[in-house]
């Protein structure tokens, strides 16, 4: 969020309390490094705040041609049912921020993860997230 100079909050005081608004104003903006890193940062924040309540993590392609899959699941993810993670598309290696989020989300026998998540659900099929990417994501979740 580098370069953010204005924040608009919708919903009024019934949706966002004055105390929450004060907290938002005091929260520094930072650059995340793109959609994949941002999705990992948000998943880690959710996991930290809510102790990884999600058994399943949603994974979609985070490129302009693949956003429709992620947007289709936004209501489910936003409702607190699952966290959403985005890949950088076919043929692109998974960034360490994404695999780190998965290791943290997983509840592994070795105790690597802090969370309760046990699986991923790929949105868009193998044309959006390749089988190799899905396997690597699941392995990271399992601490492998």
N, C-alpha and C. Protein backbone atom coordinates (compact mmCIF):
# COMPACT_ATOMS: atom_id res chain seq x y z
N UNK A 1 0.82 -1.18 0.00
CA UNK A 1 0.00 0.00 0.00
C UNK A 1 0.86 1.25 0.00
N UNK A 2 2.11 1.14 -0.41
CA UNK A 2 2.97 2.31 -0.45
C UNK A 2 2.35 3.39 -1.31
N UNK A 3 2.49 4.62 -0.88
CA UNK A 3 1.96 5.74 -1.63
C UNK A 3 0.52 6.06 -1.32
N UNK A 4 -0.10 5.37 -0.39
CA UNK A 4 -1.48 5.65 -0.02
C UNK A 4 -1.54 6.98 0.71
N UNK A 5 -2.38 7.88 0.22
CA UNK A 5 -2.48 9.19 0.88
C UNK A 5 -3.86 9.42 1.47
N UNK A 6 -4.82 8.59 1.11
CA UNK A 6 -6.18 8.78 1.63
C UNK A 6 -6.85 7.43 1.78
N UNK A 7 -7.58 7.26 2.87
CA UNK A 7 -8.31 6.03 3.13
C UNK A 7 -9.78 6.38 3.26
N UNK A 8 -10.63 5.73 2.48
CA UNK A 8 -12.07 5.94 2.56
C UNK A 8 -12.68 4.76 3.30
N UNK A 9 -13.47 5.04 4.31
CA UNK A 9 -14.13 3.99 5.08
C UNK A 9 -15.63 4.17 4.90
N UNK A 10 -16.30 3.12 4.45
CA UNK A 10 -17.74 3.18 4.20
C UNK A 10 -18.49 2.44 5.29
N UNK A 11 -19.71 2.88 5.54
CA UNK A 11 -20.57 2.17 6.47
C UNK A 11 -20.97 2.96 7.69
N UNK A 12 -20.28 4.03 7.98
CA UNK A 12 -20.64 4.85 9.13
C UNK A 12 -20.26 4.22 10.46
N UNK A 13 -20.59 4.89 11.57
CA UNK A 13 -20.15 4.43 12.89
C UNK A 13 -20.78 3.11 13.33
N UNK A 14 -21.88 2.70 12.71
CA UNK A 14 -22.45 1.40 13.06
C UNK A 14 -21.61 0.25 12.47
N UNK A 15 -20.92 0.54 11.36
CA UNK A 15 -20.09 -0.48 10.72
C UNK A 15 -18.64 -0.40 11.20
N UNK A 16 -18.13 0.81 11.36
CA UNK A 16 -16.76 1.05 11.80
C UNK A 16 -16.82 2.05 12.95
N UNK A 17 -16.49 1.59 14.13
CA UNK A 17 -16.60 2.44 15.32
C UNK A 17 -15.53 3.54 15.29
N UNK A 18 -15.74 4.63 16.03
CA UNK A 18 -14.71 5.66 16.10
C UNK A 18 -13.36 5.11 16.58
N UNK A 19 -13.35 4.16 17.50
CA UNK A 19 -12.10 3.57 17.97
C UNK A 19 -11.40 2.80 16.85
N UNK A 20 -12.18 2.06 16.05
CA UNK A 20 -11.59 1.33 14.93
C UNK A 20 -11.02 2.30 13.89
N UNK A 21 -11.73 3.39 13.66
CA UNK A 21 -11.26 4.40 12.71
C UNK A 21 -9.95 5.01 13.20
N UNK A 22 -9.85 5.27 14.49
CA UNK A 22 -8.61 5.80 15.06
C UNK A 22 -7.46 4.81 14.85
N UNK A 23 -7.73 3.53 15.05
CA UNK A 23 -6.72 2.50 14.83
C UNK A 23 -6.29 2.47 13.37
N UNK A 24 -7.25 2.55 12.46
CA UNK A 24 -6.92 2.56 11.03
C UNK A 24 -6.04 3.75 10.68
N UNK A 25 -6.35 4.91 11.22
CA UNK A 25 -5.55 6.11 10.94
C UNK A 25 -4.13 5.97 11.45
N UNK A 26 -3.95 5.24 12.54
CA UNK A 26 -2.63 5.09 13.14
C UNK A 26 -1.82 3.94 12.54
N UNK A 27 -2.45 3.12 11.71
CA UNK A 27 -1.78 1.97 11.12
C UNK A 27 -0.96 2.41 9.91
N UNK A 28 0.34 2.15 9.92
CA UNK A 28 1.17 2.59 8.79
C UNK A 28 0.87 1.77 7.53
N UNK A 29 0.91 2.43 6.40
CA UNK A 29 0.77 1.74 5.12
C UNK A 29 2.12 1.15 4.74
N UNK A 30 2.12 0.06 4.04
CA UNK A 30 3.37 -0.54 3.61
C UNK A 30 3.19 -1.18 2.25
N UNK A 31 4.28 -1.37 1.55
CA UNK A 31 4.25 -2.00 0.24
C UNK A 31 4.37 -3.50 0.41
N UNK A 32 3.47 -4.24 -0.20
CA UNK A 32 3.46 -5.70 -0.04
C UNK A 32 4.19 -6.43 -1.14
N UNK A 33 4.31 -5.85 -2.30
CA UNK A 33 5.02 -6.53 -3.38
C UNK A 33 4.12 -7.27 -4.34
N UNK A 34 2.88 -6.86 -4.50
CA UNK A 34 2.00 -7.47 -5.47
C UNK A 34 0.91 -8.32 -4.85
N UNK A 35 0.04 -8.83 -5.71
CA UNK A 35 -1.15 -9.54 -5.25
C UNK A 35 -0.83 -10.82 -4.48
N UNK A 36 0.18 -11.57 -4.93
CA UNK A 36 0.53 -12.81 -4.26
C UNK A 36 1.02 -12.55 -2.84
N UNK A 37 1.91 -11.57 -2.70
CA UNK A 37 2.43 -11.23 -1.37
C UNK A 37 1.33 -10.64 -0.49
N UNK A 38 0.47 -9.81 -1.08
CA UNK A 38 -0.62 -9.22 -0.31
C UNK A 38 -1.56 -10.29 0.22
N UNK A 39 -1.89 -11.28 -0.62
CA UNK A 39 -2.79 -12.34 -0.16
C UNK A 39 -2.15 -13.13 0.98
N UNK A 40 -0.85 -13.36 0.90
CA UNK A 40 -0.15 -14.08 1.97
C UNK A 40 -0.14 -13.24 3.25
N UNK A 41 0.11 -11.92 3.11
CA UNK A 41 0.11 -11.04 4.29
C UNK A 41 -1.25 -11.02 4.96
N UNK A 42 -2.31 -10.95 4.17
CA UNK A 42 -3.67 -10.91 4.74
C UNK A 42 -3.99 -12.25 5.41
N UNK A 43 -3.61 -13.34 4.78
CA UNK A 43 -3.86 -14.66 5.39
C UNK A 43 -3.11 -14.79 6.71
N UNK A 44 -1.85 -14.31 6.75
CA UNK A 44 -1.09 -14.37 7.99
C UNK A 44 -1.71 -13.49 9.07
N UNK A 45 -2.19 -12.31 8.67
CA UNK A 45 -2.85 -11.42 9.64
C UNK A 45 -4.11 -12.10 10.19
N UNK A 46 -4.92 -12.66 9.29
CA UNK A 46 -6.13 -13.36 9.73
C UNK A 46 -5.78 -14.52 10.66
N UNK A 47 -4.76 -15.27 10.30
CA UNK A 47 -4.35 -16.39 11.14
C UNK A 47 -3.88 -15.95 12.51
N UNK A 48 -3.16 -14.84 12.55
CA UNK A 48 -2.68 -14.32 13.82
C UNK A 48 -3.84 -13.82 14.68
N UNK A 49 -4.75 -13.09 14.07
CA UNK A 49 -5.87 -12.51 14.82
C UNK A 49 -6.89 -13.55 15.25
N UNK A 50 -7.14 -14.52 14.40
CA UNK A 50 -8.23 -15.46 14.65
C UNK A 50 -7.76 -16.90 14.86
N UNK A 51 -6.47 -17.09 15.07
CA UNK A 51 -5.89 -18.39 15.36
C UNK A 51 -6.20 -19.45 14.30
N UNK A 52 -6.03 -19.05 13.06
CA UNK A 52 -6.20 -19.95 11.91
C UNK A 52 -7.48 -20.78 12.02
N UNK A 53 -8.64 -20.13 11.90
CA UNK A 53 -9.90 -20.86 12.02
C UNK A 53 -10.25 -21.69 10.79
N UNK A 54 -9.49 -21.52 9.71
CA UNK A 54 -9.86 -22.12 8.44
C UNK A 54 -9.26 -23.51 8.27
N UNK A 55 -10.12 -24.49 8.04
CA UNK A 55 -9.64 -25.85 7.76
C UNK A 55 -9.13 -25.94 6.33
N UNK A 56 -9.71 -25.13 5.45
CA UNK A 56 -9.35 -25.15 4.04
C UNK A 56 -8.95 -23.74 3.61
N UNK A 57 -7.91 -23.64 2.80
CA UNK A 57 -7.48 -22.37 2.25
C UNK A 57 -7.80 -22.36 0.76
N UNK A 58 -8.39 -21.28 0.29
CA UNK A 58 -8.70 -21.14 -1.13
C UNK A 58 -7.48 -20.63 -1.87
N UNK A 59 -7.19 -21.19 -3.04
CA UNK A 59 -6.05 -20.77 -3.84
C UNK A 59 -6.55 -20.49 -5.25
N UNK A 60 -6.22 -19.29 -5.74
CA UNK A 60 -6.61 -18.90 -7.10
C UNK A 60 -5.44 -18.20 -7.76
N UNK A 61 -5.54 -18.05 -9.07
CA UNK A 61 -4.51 -17.32 -9.81
C UNK A 61 -4.71 -15.83 -9.56
N UNK A 62 -3.62 -15.13 -9.27
CA UNK A 62 -3.71 -13.70 -8.97
C UNK A 62 -3.29 -12.81 -10.12
N UNK A 63 -3.47 -13.25 -11.34
CA UNK A 63 -3.13 -12.43 -12.51
C UNK A 63 -4.42 -11.86 -13.08
N UNK A 64 -4.31 -10.81 -13.91
CA UNK A 64 -5.54 -10.23 -14.48
C UNK A 64 -6.44 -11.25 -15.18
N UNK A 65 -5.86 -12.26 -15.82
CA UNK A 65 -6.70 -13.24 -16.51
C UNK A 65 -7.31 -14.26 -15.54
N UNK A 66 -6.83 -14.32 -14.30
CA UNK A 66 -7.32 -15.31 -13.36
C UNK A 66 -8.08 -14.74 -12.18
N UNK A 67 -8.28 -13.43 -12.13
CA UNK A 67 -8.94 -12.83 -10.99
C UNK A 67 -10.39 -13.24 -10.83
N UNK A 68 -11.03 -13.65 -11.90
CA UNK A 68 -12.46 -13.99 -11.81
C UNK A 68 -12.69 -15.14 -10.83
N UNK A 69 -11.77 -16.08 -10.77
CA UNK A 69 -11.91 -17.20 -9.82
C UNK A 69 -11.83 -16.70 -8.38
N UNK A 70 -10.86 -15.84 -8.10
CA UNK A 70 -10.71 -15.30 -6.75
C UNK A 70 -11.89 -14.42 -6.38
N UNK A 71 -12.34 -13.61 -7.32
CA UNK A 71 -13.48 -12.74 -7.04
C UNK A 71 -14.76 -13.54 -6.80
N UNK A 72 -14.91 -14.64 -7.49
CA UNK A 72 -16.10 -15.48 -7.30
C UNK A 72 -16.17 -16.06 -5.90
N UNK A 73 -15.04 -16.25 -5.28
CA UNK A 73 -15.00 -16.84 -3.93
C UNK A 73 -14.85 -15.77 -2.85
N UNK A 74 -14.87 -14.51 -3.23
CA UNK A 74 -14.62 -13.43 -2.24
C UNK A 74 -15.63 -13.44 -1.11
N UNK A 75 -16.89 -13.67 -1.40
CA UNK A 75 -17.90 -13.66 -0.33
C UNK A 75 -17.65 -14.78 0.66
N UNK A 76 -17.32 -15.96 0.16
CA UNK A 76 -17.04 -17.09 1.03
C UNK A 76 -15.80 -16.80 1.89
N UNK A 77 -14.77 -16.28 1.26
CA UNK A 77 -13.53 -15.97 1.97
C UNK A 77 -13.75 -14.82 2.95
N UNK A 78 -14.43 -13.77 2.50
CA UNK A 78 -14.67 -12.61 3.34
C UNK A 78 -15.58 -12.89 4.52
N UNK A 79 -16.40 -13.92 4.40
CA UNK A 79 -17.28 -14.30 5.50
C UNK A 79 -16.56 -15.03 6.61
N UNK A 80 -15.24 -15.18 6.47
CA UNK A 80 -14.46 -15.82 7.52
C UNK A 80 -14.39 -17.32 7.41
N UNK A 81 -14.92 -17.86 6.32
CA UNK A 81 -14.90 -19.32 6.17
C UNK A 81 -13.55 -19.84 5.73
N UNK A 82 -12.92 -19.16 4.80
CA UNK A 82 -11.60 -19.57 4.30
C UNK A 82 -10.78 -18.34 3.97
N UNK A 83 -9.49 -18.46 4.12
CA UNK A 83 -8.57 -17.41 3.66
C UNK A 83 -8.28 -17.67 2.19
N UNK A 84 -8.04 -16.61 1.43
CA UNK A 84 -7.71 -16.74 0.02
C UNK A 84 -6.24 -16.41 -0.21
N UNK A 85 -5.60 -17.26 -0.98
CA UNK A 85 -4.22 -17.03 -1.38
C UNK A 85 -4.16 -17.00 -2.90
N UNK A 86 -3.27 -16.18 -3.44
CA UNK A 86 -3.16 -16.02 -4.88
C UNK A 86 -1.79 -16.45 -5.38
N UNK A 87 -1.77 -17.16 -6.50
CA UNK A 87 -0.51 -17.51 -7.15
C UNK A 87 -0.22 -16.47 -8.22
N UNK A 88 0.99 -16.50 -8.73
CA UNK A 88 1.40 -15.55 -9.76
C UNK A 88 1.15 -16.08 -11.17
N UNK A 89 0.46 -17.19 -11.29
CA UNK A 89 0.13 -17.74 -12.61
C UNK A 89 0.96 -18.95 -12.97
N UNK A 90 0.62 -19.53 -14.12
CA UNK A 90 1.28 -20.74 -14.58
C UNK A 90 2.76 -20.50 -14.86
N UNK A 91 3.57 -21.48 -14.51
CA UNK A 91 4.99 -21.41 -14.83
C UNK A 91 5.78 -20.46 -13.95
N UNK A 92 5.15 -19.88 -12.94
CA UNK A 92 5.84 -18.95 -12.05
C UNK A 92 6.05 -19.65 -10.71
N UNK A 93 7.27 -19.62 -10.22
CA UNK A 93 7.57 -20.25 -8.94
C UNK A 93 6.77 -19.60 -7.82
N UNK A 94 6.42 -20.39 -6.83
CA UNK A 94 5.70 -19.86 -5.67
C UNK A 94 6.63 -19.01 -4.82
N UNK A 95 6.24 -17.79 -4.49
CA UNK A 95 7.11 -16.94 -3.68
C UNK A 95 7.18 -17.44 -2.23
N UNK A 96 8.27 -17.12 -1.57
CA UNK A 96 8.47 -17.57 -0.20
C UNK A 96 7.39 -17.03 0.73
N UNK A 97 6.83 -15.85 0.44
CA UNK A 97 5.77 -15.31 1.31
C UNK A 97 4.55 -16.22 1.31
N UNK A 98 4.25 -16.80 0.15
CA UNK A 98 3.09 -17.69 0.04
C UNK A 98 3.35 -19.01 0.77
N UNK A 99 4.51 -19.60 0.56
CA UNK A 99 4.80 -20.86 1.25
C UNK A 99 4.94 -20.64 2.76
N UNK A 100 5.47 -19.50 3.17
CA UNK A 100 5.56 -19.21 4.61
C UNK A 100 4.18 -19.11 5.25
N UNK A 101 3.24 -18.48 4.53
CA UNK A 101 1.87 -18.39 5.05
C UNK A 101 1.26 -19.77 5.20
N UNK A 102 1.52 -20.65 4.24
CA UNK A 102 0.98 -22.00 4.30
C UNK A 102 1.60 -22.81 5.44
N UNK A 103 2.90 -22.68 5.64
CA UNK A 103 3.55 -23.39 6.74
C UNK A 103 2.94 -22.94 8.06
N UNK A 104 2.71 -21.63 8.19
CA UNK A 104 2.12 -21.10 9.43
C UNK A 104 0.68 -21.57 9.61
N UNK A 105 -0.04 -21.70 8.51
CA UNK A 105 -1.46 -22.10 8.58
C UNK A 105 -1.63 -23.57 8.91
N UNK A 106 -0.65 -24.37 8.55
CA UNK A 106 -0.78 -25.81 8.70
C UNK A 106 -0.58 -26.29 10.12
N UNK A 107 -1.21 -27.39 10.41
CA UNK A 107 -0.98 -28.05 11.71
C UNK A 107 -0.27 -29.35 11.41
N UNK A 108 1.04 -29.31 11.52
CA UNK A 108 1.84 -30.44 11.08
C UNK A 108 2.32 -31.28 12.26
N UNK A 109 2.66 -32.49 11.96
CA UNK A 109 3.15 -33.40 13.00
C UNK A 109 4.44 -32.88 13.62
N UNK A 110 5.23 -32.14 12.82
CA UNK A 110 6.50 -31.62 13.33
C UNK A 110 6.31 -30.34 14.13
N UNK A 111 5.08 -29.83 14.18
CA UNK A 111 4.81 -28.64 14.95
C UNK A 111 5.21 -27.35 14.26
N UNK A 112 5.48 -27.41 12.96
CA UNK A 112 5.89 -26.20 12.24
C UNK A 112 4.81 -25.14 12.23
N UNK A 113 3.58 -25.55 11.99
CA UNK A 113 2.50 -24.58 11.84
C UNK A 113 1.82 -24.24 13.14
N UNK A 114 1.22 -23.06 13.16
CA UNK A 114 0.47 -22.61 14.31
C UNK A 114 -1.01 -22.92 14.16
N UNK A 115 -1.42 -23.28 12.96
CA UNK A 115 -2.84 -23.30 12.66
C UNK A 115 -3.48 -24.65 12.60
N UNK A 116 -4.68 -24.63 12.07
CA UNK A 116 -5.55 -25.79 12.01
C UNK A 116 -5.86 -26.20 10.57
N UNK A 117 -5.30 -25.47 9.61
CA UNK A 117 -5.64 -25.73 8.21
C UNK A 117 -5.03 -27.03 7.75
N UNK A 118 -5.82 -27.80 7.03
CA UNK A 118 -5.35 -29.10 6.58
C UNK A 118 -5.41 -29.29 5.07
N UNK A 119 -6.04 -28.37 4.35
CA UNK A 119 -6.16 -28.57 2.91
C UNK A 119 -6.30 -27.28 2.15
N UNK A 120 -6.11 -27.39 0.85
CA UNK A 120 -6.32 -26.26 -0.04
C UNK A 120 -7.42 -26.63 -1.02
N UNK A 121 -8.12 -25.62 -1.49
CA UNK A 121 -9.12 -25.81 -2.54
C UNK A 121 -8.72 -24.91 -3.69
N UNK A 122 -8.39 -25.51 -4.82
CA UNK A 122 -7.94 -24.76 -5.99
C UNK A 122 -9.15 -24.26 -6.75
N UNK A 123 -9.15 -22.98 -7.04
CA UNK A 123 -10.23 -22.35 -7.80
C UNK A 123 -9.77 -22.17 -9.24
N UNK A 124 -10.58 -22.58 -10.17
CA UNK A 124 -10.25 -22.39 -11.58
C UNK A 124 -9.61 -23.58 -12.25
N UNK A 125 -9.31 -24.61 -11.48
CA UNK A 125 -8.76 -25.82 -12.07
C UNK A 125 -7.30 -25.68 -12.49
N UNK A 126 -6.78 -26.70 -13.18
CA UNK A 126 -5.35 -26.75 -13.50
C UNK A 126 -4.90 -25.72 -14.53
N UNK A 127 -5.83 -25.09 -15.23
CA UNK A 127 -5.42 -24.02 -16.14
C UNK A 127 -5.13 -22.74 -15.38
N UNK A 128 -5.69 -22.59 -14.20
CA UNK A 128 -5.45 -21.41 -13.37
C UNK A 128 -4.30 -21.65 -12.40
N UNK A 129 -4.35 -22.77 -11.70
CA UNK A 129 -3.30 -23.17 -10.76
C UNK A 129 -2.89 -24.58 -11.18
N UNK A 130 -1.65 -24.72 -11.62
CA UNK A 130 -1.23 -26.01 -12.15
C UNK A 130 -1.22 -27.09 -11.06
N UNK A 131 -1.24 -28.33 -11.51
CA UNK A 131 -1.17 -29.45 -10.56
C UNK A 131 0.12 -29.39 -9.75
N UNK A 132 1.22 -29.00 -10.40
CA UNK A 132 2.51 -28.89 -9.71
C UNK A 132 2.44 -27.80 -8.63
N UNK A 133 1.81 -26.68 -8.96
CA UNK A 133 1.66 -25.61 -7.97
C UNK A 133 0.79 -26.07 -6.81
N UNK A 134 -0.31 -26.75 -7.12
CA UNK A 134 -1.21 -27.23 -6.07
C UNK A 134 -0.48 -28.22 -5.16
N UNK A 135 0.32 -29.10 -5.74
CA UNK A 135 1.09 -30.05 -4.93
C UNK A 135 2.10 -29.34 -4.04
N UNK A 136 2.77 -28.33 -4.59
CA UNK A 136 3.74 -27.56 -3.80
C UNK A 136 3.06 -26.80 -2.68
N UNK A 137 1.88 -26.26 -2.95
CA UNK A 137 1.12 -25.55 -1.92
C UNK A 137 0.69 -26.49 -0.79
N UNK A 138 0.19 -27.66 -1.17
CA UNK A 138 -0.22 -28.63 -0.16
C UNK A 138 0.98 -29.12 0.65
N UNK A 139 2.10 -29.31 -0.01
CA UNK A 139 3.32 -29.74 0.70
C UNK A 139 3.75 -28.67 1.71
N UNK A 140 3.68 -27.40 1.32
CA UNK A 140 4.04 -26.31 2.24
C UNK A 140 3.09 -26.30 3.43
N UNK A 141 1.80 -26.52 3.18
CA UNK A 141 0.83 -26.56 4.26
C UNK A 141 1.13 -27.70 5.22
N UNK A 142 1.65 -28.80 4.67
CA UNK A 142 1.99 -29.96 5.49
C UNK A 142 3.39 -29.85 6.10
N UNK A 143 4.08 -28.72 5.86
CA UNK A 143 5.39 -28.51 6.43
C UNK A 143 6.50 -29.28 5.73
N UNK A 144 6.30 -29.64 4.47
CA UNK A 144 7.29 -30.41 3.72
C UNK A 144 8.07 -29.53 2.78
